[in-house]
Amino acid sequence: MKIKLIIGLFLFVCLAQIITPLSMIANRELVLKRGTQYKFKVAPVDPYDAFRGRYVALRFEEDYCLYTNRDKLNSGQQVYALINVDERGFAKFSGLAMNRPEKGPYIKTRLNYISGDKAYLDIPIDRYYMEEGAAPRAEKIYQQHSRGGKEDAYAIIRIKDGLAVIESLYVAGDKIEDLVKKE
């Protein structure tokens, strides 16, 4: 009897270890297939993660939204960042909600801090993974396009039910992978 219980628990743990990463991957793939597409201005840099490889770190130009409500918010608190699209087609954060919005696009995120009338956000989509050899070249290309007022990098983000996934990164209107291949 005791052996059956141990074997059952062991099989349950094994199954959980398989299902957990598969469900995480499936959720992100679902967002990529069915999520609404938004374009965010970014400013990338090229770090390295020993466990996950090369990626382009994304820093959003506008990682804040105006916040004039004086409700007490704490750093690290979960919030919902509301999204509007400007006249040039770029998505921007337009406000905060403490509860999941009933309609309209939003990203589930955390509050970094409030300074003056701006609430700065901890954007959960800050890494664009690339093939190991391509990421350093991608950073070089970005640096060439970030000088002289060009600043023409943006990311295409898919959002569904508050979950955001990076679809692609563009520099000067071209996918970064295409620019790396041309080089």
C-alpha atoms as a PDB file:
ATOM      1  CA  MET A   1       0.000   0.000   0.000  1.00  0.00           C
ATOM      2  CA  LYS A   2       2.765   2.434   0.984  1.00  0.00           C
ATOM      3  CA  ILE A   3       4.744   1.593  -2.168  1.00  0.00           C
ATOM      4  CA  LYS A   4       1.720   2.351  -4.362  1.00  0.00           C
ATOM      5  CA  LEU A   5       1.320   5.744  -2.681  1.00  0.00           C
ATOM      6  CA  ILE A   6       5.003   6.594  -3.207  1.00  0.00           C
ATOM      7  CA  ILE A   7       4.875   5.506  -6.846  1.00  0.00           C
ATOM      8  CA  GLY A   8       1.664   7.483  -7.359  1.00  0.00           C
ATOM      9  CA  LEU A   9       3.218  10.621  -5.844  1.00  0.00           C
ATOM     10  CA  PHE A  10       6.347  10.146  -7.930  1.00  0.00           C
ATOM     11  CA  LEU A  11       4.309   9.849 -11.129  1.00  0.00           C
ATOM     12  CA  PHE A  12       2.274  12.916 -10.164  1.00  0.00           C
ATOM     13  CA  VAL A  13       5.448  14.983  -9.638  1.00  0.00           C
ATOM     14  CA  CYS A  14       6.871  13.771 -12.964  1.00  0.00           C
ATOM     15  CA  LEU A  15       3.657  14.682 -14.755  1.00  0.00           C
ATOM     16  CA  ALA A  16       3.584  18.125 -13.114  1.00  0.00           C
ATOM     17  CA  GLN A  17       7.161  18.756 -14.267  1.00  0.00           C
ATOM     18  CA  ILE A  18       6.159  18.027 -17.832  1.00  0.00           C
ATOM     19  CA  ILE A  19       2.824  19.861 -17.840  1.00  0.00           C
ATOM     20  CA  THR A  20       4.064  23.095 -16.236  1.00  0.00           C
ATOM     21  CA  PRO A  21       6.567  24.157 -18.932  1.00  0.00           C
ATOM     22  CA  LEU A  22       4.295  22.897 -21.693  1.00  0.00           C
ATOM     23  CA  SER A  23       1.410  25.033 -20.416  1.00  0.00           C
ATOM     24  CA  MET A  24       3.693  28.090 -20.213  1.00  0.00           C
ATOM     25  CA  ILE A  25       4.761  27.567 -23.819  1.00  0.00           C
ATOM     26  CA  ALA A  26       1.185  26.926 -24.935  1.00  0.00           C
ATOM     27  CA  ASN A  27      -0.050  30.141 -23.262  1.00  0.00           C
ATOM     28  CA  ARG A  28       2.548  32.240 -25.071  1.00  0.00           C
ATOM     29  CA  GLU A  29       1.861  30.528 -28.401  1.00  0.00           C
ATOM     30  CA  LEU A  30      -1.851  31.202 -27.930  1.00  0.00           C
ATOM     31  CA  VAL A  31      -1.109  34.893 -27.390  1.00  0.00           C
ATOM     32  CA  LEU A  32       1.027  34.962 -30.542  1.00  0.00           C
ATOM     33  CA  LYS A  33      -1.771  33.366 -32.582  1.00  0.00           C
ATOM     34  CA  ARG A  34      -4.825  35.125 -31.156  1.00  0.00           C
ATOM     35  CA  GLY A  35      -3.509  38.213 -29.362  1.00  0.00           C
ATOM     36  CA  THR A  36      -3.952  41.743 -30.649  1.00  0.00           C
ATOM     37  CA  GLN A  37      -0.821  43.296 -32.138  1.00  0.00           C
ATOM     38  CA  TYR A  38       0.681  46.555 -30.748  1.00  0.00           C
ATOM     39  CA  LYS A  39       3.800  48.485 -31.690  1.00  0.00           C
ATOM     40  CA  PHE A  40       5.941  49.879 -28.829  1.00  0.00           C
ATOM     41  CA  LYS A  41       9.004  52.156 -29.204  1.00  0.00           C
ATOM     42  CA  VAL A  42      12.039  50.545 -27.585  1.00  0.00           C
ATOM     43  CA  ALA A  43      15.714  51.168 -26.912  1.00  0.00           C
ATOM     44  CA  PRO A  44      17.573  47.794 -26.874  1.00  0.00           C
ATOM     45  CA  VAL A  45      20.933  46.759 -25.394  1.00  0.00           C
ATOM     46  CA  ASP A  46      22.682  43.388 -25.734  1.00  0.00           C
ATOM     47  CA  PRO A  47      23.256  41.388 -22.532  1.00  0.00           C
ATOM     48  CA  TYR A  48      24.034  37.733 -22.055  1.00  0.00           C
ATOM     49  CA  ASP A  49      22.360  35.225 -19.762  1.00  0.00           C
ATOM     50  CA  ALA A  50      24.479  32.152 -19.046  1.00  0.00           C
ATOM     51  CA  PHE A  51      21.391  29.961 -18.678  1.00  0.00           C
ATOM     52  CA  ARG A  52      19.199  31.275 -21.500  1.00  0.00           C
ATOM     53  CA  GLY A  53      21.719  32.564 -24.031  1.00  0.00           C
ATOM     54  CA  ARG A  54      21.879  35.815 -25.974  1.00  0.00           C
ATOM     55  CA  TYR A  55      19.022  38.221 -26.113  1.00  0.00           C
ATOM     56  CA  VAL A  56      18.375  41.851 -26.855  1.00  0.00           C
ATOM     57  CA  ALA A  57      17.192  43.589 -23.696  1.00  0.00           C
ATOM     58  CA  LEU A  58      14.348  45.948 -24.416  1.00  0.00           C
ATOM     59  CA  ARG A  59      13.761  49.157 -22.557  1.00  0.00           C
ATOM     60  CA  PHE A  60      10.558  50.891 -23.475  1.00  0.00           C
ATOM     61  CA  GLU A  61      10.899  54.575 -24.263  1.00  0.00           C
ATOM     62  CA  GLU A  62       7.810  55.264 -22.234  1.00  0.00           C
ATOM     63  CA  ASP A  63       7.755  52.796 -19.354  1.00  0.00           C
ATOM     64  CA  TYR A  64       5.346  54.924 -17.366  1.00  0.00           C
ATOM     65  CA  CYS A  65       1.875  56.368 -17.470  1.00  0.00           C
ATOM     66  CA  LEU A  66       0.444  59.533 -16.001  1.00  0.00           C
ATOM     67  CA  TYR A  67      -0.990  58.913 -12.562  1.00  0.00           C
ATOM     68  CA  THR A  68      -2.798  61.718 -10.799  1.00  0.00           C
ATOM     69  CA  ASN A  69      -4.921  59.562  -8.505  1.00  0.00           C
ATOM     70  CA  ARG A  70      -3.485  59.810  -5.016  1.00  0.00           C
ATOM     71  CA  ASP A  71      -4.517  56.317  -3.913  1.00  0.00           C
ATOM     72  CA  LYS A  72      -1.771  54.623  -1.949  1.00  0.00           C
ATOM     73  CA  LEU A  73       0.186  52.333  -4.261  1.00  0.00           C
ATOM     74  CA  ASN A  74       3.272  50.361  -3.275  1.00  0.00           C
ATOM     75  CA  SER A  75       6.318  49.383  -5.273  1.00  0.00           C
ATOM     76  CA  GLY A  76       5.911  45.849  -6.562  1.00  0.00           C
ATOM     77  CA  GLN A  77       2.116  46.017  -6.412  1.00  0.00           C
ATOM     78  CA  GLN A  78       0.304  44.240  -9.244  1.00  0.00           C
ATOM     79  CA  VAL A  79      -1.480  46.655 -11.575  1.00  0.00           C
ATOM     80  CA  TYR A  80      -3.035  46.602 -15.018  1.00  0.00           C
ATOM     81  CA  ALA A  81      -1.439  49.071 -17.437  1.00  0.00           C
ATOM     82  CA  LEU A  82      -4.033  50.350 -19.895  1.00  0.00           C
ATOM     83  CA  ILE A  83      -2.952  50.848 -23.509  1.00  0.00           C
ATOM     84  CA  ASN A  84      -3.858  53.440 -26.144  1.00  0.00           C
ATOM     85  CA  VAL A  85      -2.482  53.738 -29.667  1.00  0.00           C
ATOM     86  CA  ASP A  86      -1.277  57.193 -30.764  1.00  0.00           C
ATOM     87  CA  GLU A  87      -1.718  58.816 -34.182  1.00  0.00           C
ATOM     88  CA  ARG A  88       1.579  57.315 -35.438  1.00  0.00           C
ATOM     89  CA  GLY A  89       0.444  53.786 -34.557  1.00  0.00           C
ATOM     90  CA  PHE A  90       2.580  53.337 -31.436  1.00  0.00           C
ATOM     91  CA  ALA A  91       1.118  51.886 -28.271  1.00  0.00           C
ATOM     92  CA  LYS A  92       1.524  53.835 -25.040  1.00  0.00           C
ATOM     93  CA  PHE A  93       0.466  53.284 -21.477  1.00  0.00           C
ATOM     94  CA  SER A  94      -2.513  55.508 -20.753  1.00  0.00           C
ATOM     95  CA  GLY A  95      -3.448  54.679 -17.178  1.00  0.00           C
ATOM     96  CA  LEU A  96      -3.525  52.178 -14.360  1.00  0.00           C
ATOM     97  CA  ALA A  97      -6.246  49.934 -13.024  1.00  0.00           C
ATOM     98  CA  MET A  98      -6.072  48.035  -9.760  1.00  0.00           C
ATOM     99  CA  ASN A  99      -8.553  45.408 -11.010  1.00  0.00           C
ATOM    100  CA  ARG A 100      -8.622  43.558 -14.314  1.00  0.00           C
ATOM    101  CA  PRO A 101     -10.332  45.834 -16.884  1.00  0.00           C
ATOM    102  CA  GLU A 102     -13.565  44.603 -18.439  1.00  0.00           C
ATOM    103  CA  LYS A 103     -12.652  45.923 -21.902  1.00  0.00           C
ATOM    104  CA  GLY A 104      -9.786  47.500 -23.782  1.00  0.00           C
ATOM    105  CA  PRO A 105      -6.169  46.378 -24.084  1.00  0.00           C
ATOM    106  CA  TYR A 106      -3.997  46.112 -20.978  1.00  0.00           C
ATOM    107  CA  ILE A 107      -0.859  44.409 -19.659  1.00  0.00           C
ATOM    108  CA  LYS A 108      -0.712  42.762 -16.262  1.00  0.00           C
ATOM    109  CA  THR A 109       2.417  44.187 -14.646  1.00  0.00           C
ATOM    110  CA  ARG A 110       3.897  45.570 -11.433  1.00  0.00           C
ATOM    111  CA  LEU A 111       4.468  49.109 -10.259  1.00  0.00           C
ATOM    112  CA  ASN A 112       8.118  50.143  -9.909  1.00  0.00           C
ATOM    113  CA  TYR A 113       7.579  53.541  -8.298  1.00  0.00           C
ATOM    114  CA  ILE A 114       5.692  56.816  -8.554  1.00  0.00           C
ATOM    115  CA  SER A 115       7.536  60.068  -9.179  1.00  0.00           C
ATOM    116  CA  GLY A 116       5.507  63.240  -9.421  1.00  0.00           C
ATOM    117  CA  ASP A 117       2.577  62.529 -11.708  1.00  0.00           C
ATOM    118  CA  LYS A 118       4.171  59.469 -13.370  1.00  0.00           C
ATOM    119  CA  ALA A 119       3.800  55.840 -12.361  1.00  0.00           C
ATOM    120  CA  TYR A 120       6.790  53.833 -13.631  1.00  0.00           C
ATOM    121  CA  LEU A 121       6.074  50.234 -14.564  1.00  0.00           C
ATOM    122  CA  ASP A 122       8.039  46.990 -14.476  1.00  0.00           C
ATOM    123  CA  ILE A 123       7.262  45.871 -18.023  1.00  0.00           C
ATOM    124  CA  PRO A 124       7.255  42.031 -18.155  1.00  0.00           C
ATOM    125  CA  ILE A 125       8.370  41.853 -21.803  1.00  0.00           C
ATOM    126  CA  ASP A 126      11.969  43.012 -21.699  1.00  0.00           C
ATOM    127  CA  ARG A 127      13.903  40.292 -23.533  1.00  0.00           C
ATOM    128  CA  TYR A 128      13.980  39.439 -27.224  1.00  0.00           C
ATOM    129  CA  TYR A 129      15.864  36.159 -27.629  1.00  0.00           C
ATOM    130  CA  MET A 130      17.951  35.600 -30.710  1.00  0.00           C
ATOM    131  CA  GLU A 131      20.314  33.018 -32.140  1.00  0.00           C
ATOM    132  CA  GLU A 132      23.593  33.078 -30.207  1.00  0.00           C
ATOM    133  CA  GLY A 133      25.728  34.630 -32.949  1.00  0.00           C
ATOM    134  CA  ALA A 134      23.113  37.114 -34.158  1.00  0.00           C
ATOM    135  CA  ALA A 135      22.498  39.071 -30.946  1.00  0.00           C
ATOM    136  CA  PRO A 136      25.873  40.917 -30.881  1.00  0.00           C
ATOM    137  CA  ARG A 137      25.442  41.888 -34.548  1.00  0.00           C
ATOM    138  CA  ALA A 138      21.887  43.007 -33.798  1.00  0.00           C
ATOM    139  CA  GLU A 139      23.188  45.270 -31.044  1.00  0.00           C
ATOM    140  CA  LYS A 140      25.752  46.779 -33.437  1.00  0.00           C
ATOM    141  CA  ILE A 141      23.026  47.482 -35.992  1.00  0.00           C
ATOM    142  CA  TYR A 142      20.881  49.083 -33.341  1.00  0.00           C
ATOM    143  CA  GLN A 143      23.753  51.306 -32.179  1.00  0.00           C
ATOM    144  CA  GLN A 144      24.222  52.551 -35.751  1.00  0.00           C
ATOM    145  CA  HIS A 145      20.536  53.481 -35.880  1.00  0.00           C
ATOM    146  CA  SER A 146      20.294  55.036 -32.438  1.00  0.00           C
ATOM    147  CA  ARG A 147      22.549  58.008 -33.105  1.00  0.00           C
ATOM    148  CA  GLY A 148      21.760  61.308 -34.736  1.00  0.00           C
ATOM    149  CA  GLY A 149      18.118  61.396 -33.722  1.00  0.00           C
ATOM    150  CA  LYS A 150      17.136  58.327 -35.756  1.00  0.00           C
ATOM    151  CA  GLU A 151      15.945  56.237 -32.810  1.00  0.00           C
ATOM    152  CA  ASP A 152      13.822  54.064 -35.049  1.00  0.00           C
ATOM    153  CA  ALA A 153      13.558  50.786 -33.133  1.00  0.00           C
ATOM    154  CA  TYR A 154      10.268  49.287 -32.060  1.00  0.00           C
ATOM    155  CA  ALA A 155       8.865  45.935 -30.985  1.00  0.00           C
ATOM    156  CA  ILE A 156       5.696  44.260 -32.149  1.00  0.00           C
ATOM    157  CA  ILE A 157       3.938  42.908 -29.083  1.00  0.00           C
ATOM    158  CA  ARG A 158       0.920  40.601 -29.036  1.00  0.00           C
ATOM    159  CA  ILE A 159      -1.424  41.038 -26.069  1.00  0.00           C
ATOM    160  CA  LYS A 160      -4.266  38.786 -24.970  1.00  0.00           C
ATOM    161  CA  ASP A 161      -5.996  38.901 -21.586  1.00  0.00           C
ATOM    162  CA  GLY A 162      -3.171  40.922 -20.010  1.00  0.00           C
ATOM    163  CA  LEU A 163      -0.390  38.576 -21.157  1.00  0.00           C
ATOM    164  CA  ALA A 164       2.112  40.160 -23.551  1.00  0.00           C
ATOM    165  CA  VAL A 165       4.529  38.328 -25.874  1.00  0.00           C
ATOM    166  CA  ILE A 166       7.148  39.872 -28.158  1.00  0.00           C
ATOM    167  CA  GLU A 167       6.512  38.865 -31.744  1.00  0.00           C
ATOM    168  CA  SER A 168       9.359  40.702 -33.468  1.00  0.00           C
ATOM    169  CA  LEU A 169      11.867  43.533 -33.169  1.00  0.00           C
ATOM    170  CA  TYR A 170      12.277  46.144 -35.910  1.00  0.00           C
ATOM    171  CA  VAL A 171      15.058  48.632 -36.624  1.00  0.00           C
ATOM    172  CA  ALA A 172      14.620  51.183 -39.418  1.00  0.00           C
ATOM    173  CA  GLY A 173      11.437  49.418 -40.508  1.00  0.00           C
ATOM    174  CA  ASP A 174      13.075  46.006 -41.040  1.00  0.00           C
ATOM    175  CA  LYS A 175      13.069  42.935 -38.821  1.00  0.00           C
ATOM    176  CA  ILE A 176      16.312  42.774 -36.878  1.00  0.00           C
ATOM    177  CA  GLU A 177      16.937  39.186 -38.100  1.00  0.00           C
ATOM    178  CA  ASP A 178      16.733  40.357 -41.741  1.00  0.00           C
ATOM    179  CA  LEU A 179      19.192  43.187 -41.083  1.00  0.00           C
ATOM    180  CA  VAL A 180      21.632  40.783 -39.406  1.00  0.00           C
ATOM    181  CA  LYS A 181      21.444  38.429 -42.431  1.00  0.00           C
ATOM    182  CA  LYS A 182      22.132  41.301 -44.852  1.00  0.00           C
ATOM    183  CA  GLU A 183      25.232  42.361 -42.949  1.00  0.00           C
END
